[in-house]
Amino acid sequence: MNFKDKLADPARMISGHVAVIPSAVTAQAMSVSGADFLVFDCEHGPVGPESLHAMIAATQGTGCAPLVRIPSIDENEVKRALDAGAEGICFPLARSVADAERAVASLRYPPHGTRGWGPFVAHSRWNMGLFDYLPGPGTKTVCMLLIETIGALENIEDICAVEGVDCMVLAPFDLSTELGVPGQLDHPLMTEANARIEAAAKKAGMPLGGVAFTQEQAQDLKAKGYRILANFDVLMLKRATAQVAEWARA
């Protein structure tokens, strides 16, 4: 089952991770451990083109979809990531319906979009012929939007209605910063913003994701209607390392 089909099943819960560490070994280990997707971070992480290709290739043969978070809504960045074999794109800093529509268009080939043709590497990731890519995986690329700006918050109902957006993830770090309460995730401004985003996603039937660092946080998100639970590889590694250090000192 491809990731687009998983997202389309309203009864399915989905888990994934933002992969900041530029390592095919880490990507492979996480891919075989039950993650539905990995988002390789080319916006804030030190993931270069060669590492990105190796990380995408490391997911092959698993049920884990390789997505790429690009630095901006940019056709050239989209093309590079998809042509390296990515199954979808995580778009940052969307602020308007026009931004969402531009993101969707960049994933699609003409006449339905603006993506240039050149899956010379991508077709091998899918174990198919070069010219089988476009009518196959080329039609199933996933559009994930990060909801992290005041503009997105103000336009959330209309953004949820944009055809071709497959899912959204509420990004609390950026959103709290834009709201002037950086890192204060329980601040009333954040609570109000979260509620508006959650209500809009629920009304539109839009799969919504959130960050869960603990099982309690995961259960809270599920109770609020979130279908996607996300974490960060580097933060999980730090927590696990600190825990072993505590065991040693206990």
C-alpha atoms as a PDB file:
ATOM      1  CA  MET A   1       0.000   0.000   0.000  1.00  0.00           C
ATOM      2  CA  ASN A   2       1.425   3.380  -0.971  1.00  0.00           C
ATOM      3  CA  PHE A   3       1.402   6.294   1.428  1.00  0.00           C
ATOM      4  CA  LYS A   4      -1.303   8.174  -0.459  1.00  0.00           C
ATOM      5  CA  ASP A   5      -3.657   5.213   0.049  1.00  0.00           C
ATOM      6  CA  LYS A   6      -2.827   5.062   3.768  1.00  0.00           C
ATOM      7  CA  LEU A   7      -3.711   8.719   4.133  1.00  0.00           C
ATOM      8  CA  ALA A   8      -6.985   8.191   2.280  1.00  0.00           C
ATOM      9  CA  ASP A   9      -8.159   5.589   4.834  1.00  0.00           C
ATOM     10  CA  PRO A  10      -9.885   7.613   7.597  1.00  0.00           C
ATOM     11  CA  ALA A  11      -9.631   4.716  10.063  1.00  0.00           C
ATOM     12  CA  ARG A  12      -5.866   4.350   9.789  1.00  0.00           C
ATOM     13  CA  MET A  13      -3.423   5.819  12.301  1.00  0.00           C
ATOM     14  CA  ILE A  14      -0.021   6.730  10.885  1.00  0.00           C
ATOM     15  CA  SER A  15       3.381   7.215  12.475  1.00  0.00           C
ATOM     16  CA  GLY A  16       6.498   8.856  11.105  1.00  0.00           C
ATOM     17  CA  HIS A  17       9.639  10.743  11.947  1.00  0.00           C
ATOM     18  CA  VAL A  18      11.589  13.756  10.788  1.00  0.00           C
ATOM     19  CA  ALA A  19      15.054  12.438   9.892  1.00  0.00           C
ATOM     20  CA  VAL A  20      17.604  15.145  10.615  1.00  0.00           C
ATOM     21  CA  ILE A  21      20.608  12.792  10.782  1.00  0.00           C
ATOM     22  CA  PRO A  22      22.162  12.357   7.296  1.00  0.00           C
ATOM     23  CA  SER A  23      22.533   8.581   7.521  1.00  0.00           C
ATOM     24  CA  ALA A  24      21.282   5.738   5.343  1.00  0.00           C
ATOM     25  CA  VAL A  25      21.926   3.374   8.252  1.00  0.00           C
ATOM     26  CA  THR A  26      19.581   5.332  10.512  1.00  0.00           C
ATOM     27  CA  ALA A  27      16.988   5.615   7.740  1.00  0.00           C
ATOM     28  CA  GLN A  28      17.117   1.876   7.091  1.00  0.00           C
ATOM     29  CA  ALA A  29      16.788   0.993  10.780  1.00  0.00           C
ATOM     30  CA  MET A  30      13.773   3.256  11.213  1.00  0.00           C
ATOM     31  CA  SER A  31      12.164   2.096   7.969  1.00  0.00           C
ATOM     32  CA  VAL A  32      12.082  -1.548   9.050  1.00  0.00           C
ATOM     33  CA  SER A  33      10.853  -0.716  12.556  1.00  0.00           C
ATOM     34  CA  GLY A  34       7.269   0.122  11.665  1.00  0.00           C
ATOM     35  CA  ALA A  35       7.352   3.774  10.605  1.00  0.00           C
ATOM     36  CA  ASP A  36       4.840   4.616   7.882  1.00  0.00           C
ATOM     37  CA  PHE A  37       6.993   7.491   6.635  1.00  0.00           C
ATOM     38  CA  LEU A  38      10.233   9.345   7.155  1.00  0.00           C
ATOM     39  CA  VAL A  39      10.646  13.017   6.317  1.00  0.00           C
ATOM     40  CA  PHE A  40      14.251  13.635   5.319  1.00  0.00           C
ATOM     41  CA  ASP A  41      15.035  17.138   6.475  1.00  0.00           C
ATOM     42  CA  CYS A  42      16.629  19.292   3.789  1.00  0.00           C
ATOM     43  CA  GLU A  43      15.274  22.475   5.386  1.00  0.00           C
ATOM     44  CA  HIS A  44      16.858  22.444   8.841  1.00  0.00           C
ATOM     45  CA  GLY A  45      18.966  19.275   8.722  1.00  0.00           C
ATOM     46  CA  PRO A  46      22.442  18.768   7.173  1.00  0.00           C
ATOM     47  CA  VAL A  47      21.133  16.382   4.502  1.00  0.00           C
ATOM     48  CA  GLY A  48      22.898  16.880   1.162  1.00  0.00           C
ATOM     49  CA  PRO A  49      21.944  15.388  -2.233  1.00  0.00           C
ATOM     50  CA  GLU A  50      24.115  12.281  -2.022  1.00  0.00           C
ATOM     51  CA  SER A  51      22.977  11.503   1.527  1.00  0.00           C
ATOM     52  CA  LEU A  52      19.381  12.130   0.496  1.00  0.00           C
ATOM     53  CA  HIS A  53      19.537   9.607  -2.334  1.00  0.00           C
ATOM     54  CA  ALA A  54      21.127   6.991  -0.057  1.00  0.00           C
ATOM     55  CA  MET A  55      18.500   7.587   2.636  1.00  0.00           C
ATOM     56  CA  ILE A  56      15.648   7.281   0.143  1.00  0.00           C
ATOM     57  CA  ALA A  57      17.164   4.082  -1.278  1.00  0.00           C
ATOM     58  CA  ALA A  58      17.450   2.668   2.266  1.00  0.00           C
ATOM     59  CA  THR A  59      13.629   2.603   2.534  1.00  0.00           C
ATOM     60  CA  GLN A  60      13.239   0.333  -0.498  1.00  0.00           C
ATOM     61  CA  GLY A  61      11.578  -2.980   0.250  1.00  0.00           C
ATOM     62  CA  THR A  62       9.807  -1.638   3.336  1.00  0.00           C
ATOM     63  CA  GLY A  63       6.391  -0.148   4.001  1.00  0.00           C
ATOM     64  CA  CYS A  64       7.975   3.186   4.888  1.00  0.00           C
ATOM     65  CA  ALA A  65       7.418   6.103   2.517  1.00  0.00           C
ATOM     66  CA  PRO A  66      10.361   8.467   1.936  1.00  0.00           C
ATOM     67  CA  LEU A  67       9.286  12.105   1.994  1.00  0.00           C
ATOM     68  CA  VAL A  68      11.531  15.164   1.820  1.00  0.00           C
ATOM     69  CA  ARG A  69      11.133  18.461   3.641  1.00  0.00           C
ATOM     70  CA  ILE A  70      12.478  21.078   1.262  1.00  0.00           C
ATOM     71  CA  PRO A  71      13.611  24.599   2.258  1.00  0.00           C
ATOM     72  CA  SER A  72      10.739  26.410   0.526  1.00  0.00           C
ATOM     73  CA  ILE A  73       7.929  25.945  -1.973  1.00  0.00           C
ATOM     74  CA  ASP A  74      10.279  25.724  -4.929  1.00  0.00           C
ATOM     75  CA  GLU A  75       9.795  23.711  -8.131  1.00  0.00           C
ATOM     76  CA  ASN A  76      13.520  23.035  -8.428  1.00  0.00           C
ATOM     77  CA  GLU A  77      13.744  21.618  -4.902  1.00  0.00           C
ATOM     78  CA  VAL A  78      10.661  19.479  -5.524  1.00  0.00           C
ATOM     79  CA  LYS A  79      12.077  18.125  -8.766  1.00  0.00           C
ATOM     80  CA  ARG A  80      15.411  17.158  -7.199  1.00  0.00           C
ATOM     81  CA  ALA A  81      13.768  15.322  -4.311  1.00  0.00           C
ATOM     82  CA  LEU A  82      11.203  13.441  -6.368  1.00  0.00           C
ATOM     83  CA  ASP A  83      13.726  12.530  -9.048  1.00  0.00           C
ATOM     84  CA  ALA A  84      15.911  11.038  -6.297  1.00  0.00           C
ATOM     85  CA  GLY A  85      13.007   8.667  -5.562  1.00  0.00           C
ATOM     86  CA  ALA A  86      11.008  10.435  -2.873  1.00  0.00           C
ATOM     87  CA  GLU A  87       7.350   9.497  -2.561  1.00  0.00           C
ATOM     88  CA  GLY A  88       6.250  12.963  -1.559  1.00  0.00           C
ATOM     89  CA  ILE A  89       7.207  16.408  -0.347  1.00  0.00           C
ATOM     90  CA  CYS A  90       6.735  18.119   3.002  1.00  0.00           C
ATOM     91  CA  PHE A  91       6.275  21.817   2.229  1.00  0.00           C
ATOM     92  CA  PRO A  92       7.228  24.406   4.857  1.00  0.00           C
ATOM     93  CA  LEU A  93       5.943  27.935   5.387  1.00  0.00           C
ATOM     94  CA  ALA A  94       2.704  27.758   3.429  1.00  0.00           C
ATOM     95  CA  ARG A  95       0.737  30.930   4.128  1.00  0.00           C
ATOM     96  CA  SER A  96      -2.126  31.003   1.646  1.00  0.00           C
ATOM     97  CA  VAL A  97      -4.319  29.093  -0.762  1.00  0.00           C
ATOM     98  CA  ALA A  98      -1.998  30.229  -3.559  1.00  0.00           C
ATOM     99  CA  ASP A  99       0.974  28.662  -1.736  1.00  0.00           C
ATOM    100  CA  ALA A 100      -0.902  25.379  -1.315  1.00  0.00           C
ATOM    101  CA  GLU A 101      -1.948  25.352  -4.972  1.00  0.00           C
ATOM    102  CA  ARG A 102       1.627  26.054  -6.067  1.00  0.00           C
ATOM    103  CA  ALA A 103       2.856  23.175  -3.916  1.00  0.00           C
ATOM    104  CA  VAL A 104       0.359  20.770  -5.466  1.00  0.00           C
ATOM    105  CA  ALA A 105       1.196  21.911  -9.003  1.00  0.00           C
ATOM    106  CA  SER A 106       4.925  21.355  -8.449  1.00  0.00           C
ATOM    107  CA  LEU A 107       4.259  17.658  -7.753  1.00  0.00           C
ATOM    108  CA  ARG A 108       2.324  17.025 -10.949  1.00  0.00           C
ATOM    109  CA  TYR A 109       3.432  16.656 -14.532  1.00  0.00           C
ATOM    110  CA  PRO A 110       1.911  18.823 -17.284  1.00  0.00           C
ATOM    111  CA  PRO A 111      -0.826  19.442 -18.215  1.00  0.00           C
ATOM    112  CA  HIS A 112      -1.934  19.173 -14.579  1.00  0.00           C
ATOM    113  CA  GLY A 113       1.146  20.732 -13.018  1.00  0.00           C
ATOM    114  CA  THR A 114       4.616  22.129 -13.506  1.00  0.00           C
ATOM    115  CA  ARG A 115       6.967  19.234 -12.707  1.00  0.00           C
ATOM    116  CA  GLY A 116       9.730  18.648 -15.255  1.00  0.00           C
ATOM    117  CA  TRP A 117      10.227  15.091 -16.524  1.00  0.00           C
ATOM    118  CA  GLY A 118      13.417  13.270 -15.598  1.00  0.00           C
ATOM    119  CA  PRO A 119      12.957  10.274 -13.235  1.00  0.00           C
ATOM    120  CA  PHE A 120      16.259   8.738 -14.343  1.00  0.00           C
ATOM    121  CA  VAL A 121      17.050   7.718 -10.744  1.00  0.00           C
ATOM    122  CA  ALA A 122      13.541   7.559  -9.324  1.00  0.00           C
ATOM    123  CA  HIS A 123      12.306   4.715 -11.518  1.00  0.00           C
ATOM    124  CA  SER A 124      14.916   2.334 -10.073  1.00  0.00           C
ATOM    125  CA  ARG A 125      13.708   3.011  -6.540  1.00  0.00           C
ATOM    126  CA  TRP A 126      10.346   1.671  -7.672  1.00  0.00           C
ATOM    127  CA  ASN A 127      11.879  -1.285  -9.571  1.00  0.00           C
ATOM    128  CA  MET A 128      10.213  -0.404 -12.869  1.00  0.00           C
ATOM    129  CA  GLY A 129      11.018   0.846 -16.340  1.00  0.00           C
ATOM    130  CA  LEU A 130      11.848   4.495 -16.916  1.00  0.00           C
ATOM    131  CA  PHE A 131       8.653   5.228 -18.830  1.00  0.00           C
ATOM    132  CA  ASP A 132       6.477   3.343 -16.349  1.00  0.00           C
ATOM    133  CA  TYR A 133       7.234   5.876 -13.634  1.00  0.00           C
ATOM    134  CA  LEU A 134       5.029   8.729 -14.850  1.00  0.00           C
ATOM    135  CA  PRO A 135       1.739   6.761 -15.059  1.00  0.00           C
ATOM    136  CA  GLY A 136       2.619   4.878 -11.857  1.00  0.00           C
ATOM    137  CA  PRO A 137       4.367   6.490  -8.864  1.00  0.00           C
ATOM    138  CA  GLY A 138       4.442   9.792 -10.735  1.00  0.00           C
ATOM    139  CA  THR A 139       0.683  10.080 -10.172  1.00  0.00           C
ATOM    140  CA  LYS A 140       0.817   9.197  -6.468  1.00  0.00           C
ATOM    141  CA  THR A 141       3.169  11.764  -4.997  1.00  0.00           C
ATOM    142  CA  VAL A 142       2.100  13.030  -1.579  1.00  0.00           C
ATOM    143  CA  CYS A 143       1.613  16.686  -0.685  1.00  0.00           C
ATOM    144  CA  MET A 144       2.174  17.326   3.015  1.00  0.00           C
ATOM    145  CA  LEU A 145       1.859  20.893   4.285  1.00  0.00           C
ATOM    146  CA  LEU A 146       3.380  22.152   7.516  1.00  0.00           C
ATOM    147  CA  ILE A 147       0.992  24.483   9.307  1.00  0.00           C
ATOM    148  CA  GLU A 148       3.439  26.800  11.019  1.00  0.00           C
ATOM    149  CA  THR A 149       2.633  30.378  10.027  1.00  0.00           C
ATOM    150  CA  ILE A 150       0.081  32.995  11.036  1.00  0.00           C
ATOM    151  CA  GLY A 151      -0.963  33.188   7.400  1.00  0.00           C
ATOM    152  CA  ALA A 152      -1.754  29.462   7.326  1.00  0.00           C
ATOM    153  CA  LEU A 153      -3.683  29.805  10.565  1.00  0.00           C
ATOM    154  CA  GLU A 154      -5.751  32.689   9.225  1.00  0.00           C
ATOM    155  CA  ASN A 155      -6.473  30.837   5.960  1.00  0.00           C
ATOM    156  CA  ILE A 156      -6.680  27.304   7.328  1.00  0.00           C
ATOM    157  CA  GLU A 157     -10.269  26.586   6.289  1.00  0.00           C
ATOM    158  CA  ASP A 158      -9.586  27.549   2.670  1.00  0.00           C
ATOM    159  CA  ILE A 159      -6.219  25.740   2.585  1.00  0.00           C
ATOM    160  CA  CYS A 160      -7.929  22.546   3.767  1.00  0.00           C
ATOM    161  CA  ALA A 161     -10.178  22.752   0.708  1.00  0.00           C
ATOM    162  CA  VAL A 162      -7.325  22.856  -1.840  1.00  0.00           C
ATOM    163  CA  GLU A 163      -7.547  19.814  -4.102  1.00  0.00           C
ATOM    164  CA  GLY A 164      -4.377  17.740  -4.045  1.00  0.00           C
ATOM    165  CA  VAL A 165      -3.269  18.471  -0.479  1.00  0.00           C
ATOM    166  CA  ASP A 166      -3.041  15.021   1.119  1.00  0.00           C
ATOM    167  CA  CYS A 167      -2.284  15.884   4.736  1.00  0.00           C
ATOM    168  CA  MET A 168      -1.158  18.589   7.117  1.00  0.00           C
ATOM    169  CA  VAL A 169       1.127  18.592  10.129  1.00  0.00           C
ATOM    170  CA  LEU A 170       0.832  21.210  12.850  1.00  0.00           C
ATOM    171  CA  ALA A 171       4.379  22.443  13.495  1.00  0.00           C
ATOM    172  CA  PRO A 172       4.267  23.888  17.029  1.00  0.00           C
ATOM    173  CA  PHE A 173       7.816  25.233  17.224  1.00  0.00           C
ATOM    174  CA  ASP A 174       7.505  27.599  14.266  1.00  0.00           C
ATOM    175  CA  LEU A 175       3.879  28.473  14.953  1.00  0.00           C
ATOM    176  CA  SER A 176       4.557  29.396  18.567  1.00  0.00           C
ATOM    177  CA  THR A 177       7.471  31.541  17.404  1.00  0.00           C
ATOM    178  CA  GLU A 178       5.285  33.388  14.877  1.00  0.00           C
ATOM    179  CA  LEU A 179       2.652  33.933  17.566  1.00  0.00           C
ATOM    180  CA  GLY A 180       5.258  35.549  19.792  1.00  0.00           C
ATOM    181  CA  VAL A 181       5.339  32.772  22.398  1.00  0.00           C
ATOM    182  CA  PRO A 182       8.293  30.641  21.231  1.00  0.00           C
ATOM    183  CA  GLY A 183       8.346  27.203  22.820  1.00  0.00           C
ATOM    184  CA  GLN A 184       5.330  27.961  25.046  1.00  0.00           C
ATOM    185  CA  LEU A 185       3.225  25.180  23.589  1.00  0.00           C
ATOM    186  CA  ASP A 186       0.586  25.447  26.325  1.00  0.00           C
ATOM    187  CA  HIS A 187       0.159  29.207  25.945  1.00  0.00           C
ATOM    188  CA  PRO A 188      -3.481  30.320  25.396  1.00  0.00           C
ATOM    189  CA  LEU A 189      -2.555  31.685  21.945  1.00  0.00           C
ATOM    190  CA  MET A 190      -1.281  28.247  20.957  1.00  0.00           C
ATOM    191  CA  THR A 191      -4.283  26.494  22.466  1.00  0.00           C
ATOM    192  CA  GLU A 192      -6.609  28.738  20.466  1.00  0.00           C
ATOM    193  CA  ALA A 193      -4.605  28.287  17.282  1.00  0.00           C
ATOM    194  CA  ASN A 194      -4.472  24.507  17.678  1.00  0.00           C
ATOM    195  CA  ALA A 195      -8.220  24.332  18.209  1.00  0.00           C
ATOM    196  CA  ARG A 196      -8.927  26.288  15.019  1.00  0.00           C
ATOM    197  CA  ILE A 197      -6.591  24.101  12.964  1.00  0.00           C
ATOM    198  CA  GLU A 198      -8.030  20.901  14.452  1.00  0.00           C
ATOM    199  CA  ALA A 199     -11.607  22.010  13.766  1.00  0.00           C
ATOM    200  CA  ALA A 200     -10.842  22.959  10.161  1.00  0.00           C
ATOM    201  CA  ALA A 201      -9.061  19.670   9.474  1.00  0.00           C
ATOM    202  CA  LYS A 202     -11.878  17.651  11.026  1.00  0.00           C
ATOM    203  CA  LYS A 203     -14.543  19.465   9.013  1.00  0.00           C
ATOM    204  CA  ALA A 204     -12.613  18.947   5.764  1.00  0.00           C
ATOM    205  CA  GLY A 205     -11.694  15.332   6.506  1.00  0.00           C
ATOM    206  CA  MET A 206      -8.037  16.343   6.206  1.00  0.00           C
ATOM    207  CA  PRO A 207      -5.506  13.994   7.873  1.00  0.00           C
ATOM    208  CA  LEU A 208      -3.770  16.054  10.556  1.00  0.00           C
ATOM    209  CA  GLY A 209      -0.461  15.323  12.200  1.00  0.00           C
ATOM    210  CA  GLY A 210       1.180  16.454  15.408  1.00  0.00           C
ATOM    211  CA  VAL A 211       4.373  15.952  17.382  1.00  0.00           C
ATOM    212  CA  ALA A 212       4.288  13.310  20.132  1.00  0.00           C
ATOM    213  CA  PHE A 213       7.320  12.883  22.381  1.00  0.00           C
ATOM    214  CA  THR A 214       5.535  10.652  24.928  1.00  0.00           C
ATOM    215  CA  GLN A 215       2.787   8.048  24.909  1.00  0.00           C
ATOM    216  CA  GLU A 216       0.604  10.453  26.873  1.00  0.00           C
ATOM    217  CA  GLN A 217       1.018  13.126  24.211  1.00  0.00           C
ATOM    218  CA  ALA A 218       0.220  10.551  21.529  1.00  0.00           C
ATOM    219  CA  GLN A 219      -3.005   9.543  23.262  1.00  0.00           C
ATOM    220  CA  ASP A 220      -4.000  13.192  23.662  1.00  0.00           C
ATOM    221  CA  LEU A 221      -3.477  13.855  19.955  1.00  0.00           C
ATOM    222  CA  LYS A 222      -5.456  10.759  18.980  1.00  0.00           C
ATOM    223  CA  ALA A 223      -8.323  11.855  21.233  1.00  0.00           C
ATOM    224  CA  LYS A 224      -8.386  15.199  19.417  1.00  0.00           C
ATOM    225  CA  GLY A 225      -8.683  13.537  16.012  1.00  0.00           C
ATOM    226  CA  TYR A 226      -5.070  13.586  14.847  1.00  0.00           C
ATOM    227  CA  ARG A 227      -4.242  10.694  12.534  1.00  0.00           C
ATOM    228  CA  ILE A 228      -0.492  11.259  12.165  1.00  0.00           C
ATOM    229  CA  LEU A 229       1.998  11.044  15.045  1.00  0.00           C
ATOM    230  CA  ALA A 230       5.504  12.390  14.419  1.00  0.00           C
ATOM    231  CA  ASN A 231       8.835  12.556  16.220  1.00  0.00           C
ATOM    232  CA  PHE A 232      12.464  13.500  15.448  1.00  0.00           C
ATOM    233  CA  ASP A 233      15.311  11.024  15.079  1.00  0.00           C
ATOM    234  CA  VAL A 234      17.955  13.241  16.676  1.00  0.00           C
ATOM    235  CA  LEU A 235      15.760  14.074  19.671  1.00  0.00           C
ATOM    236  CA  MET A 236      14.903  10.411  20.236  1.00  0.00           C
ATOM    237  CA  LEU A 237      18.611   9.548  20.098  1.00  0.00           C
ATOM    238  CA  LYS A 238      19.448  12.234  22.652  1.00  0.00           C
ATOM    239  CA  ARG A 239      16.696  11.079  24.995  1.00  0.00           C
ATOM    240  CA  ALA A 240      17.790   7.445  24.759  1.00  0.00           C
ATOM    241  CA  THR A 241      21.414   8.405  25.356  1.00  0.00           C
ATOM    242  CA  ALA A 242      20.506  10.504  28.392  1.00  0.00           C
ATOM    243  CA  GLN A 243      18.434   7.631  29.777  1.00  0.00           C
ATOM    244  CA  VAL A 244      21.354   5.188  29.600  1.00  0.00           C
ATOM    245  CA  ALA A 245      23.561   7.822  31.286  1.00  0.00           C
ATOM    246  CA  GLU A 246      20.988   8.041  34.097  1.00  0.00           C
ATOM    247  CA  TRP A 247      20.982   4.264  34.474  1.00  0.00           C
ATOM    248  CA  ALA A 248      24.775   4.338  34.813  1.00  0.00           C
ATOM    249  CA  ARG A 249      24.664   6.998  37.542  1.00  0.00           C
ATOM    250  CA  ALA A 250      21.746   5.481  39.445  1.00  0.00           C
END
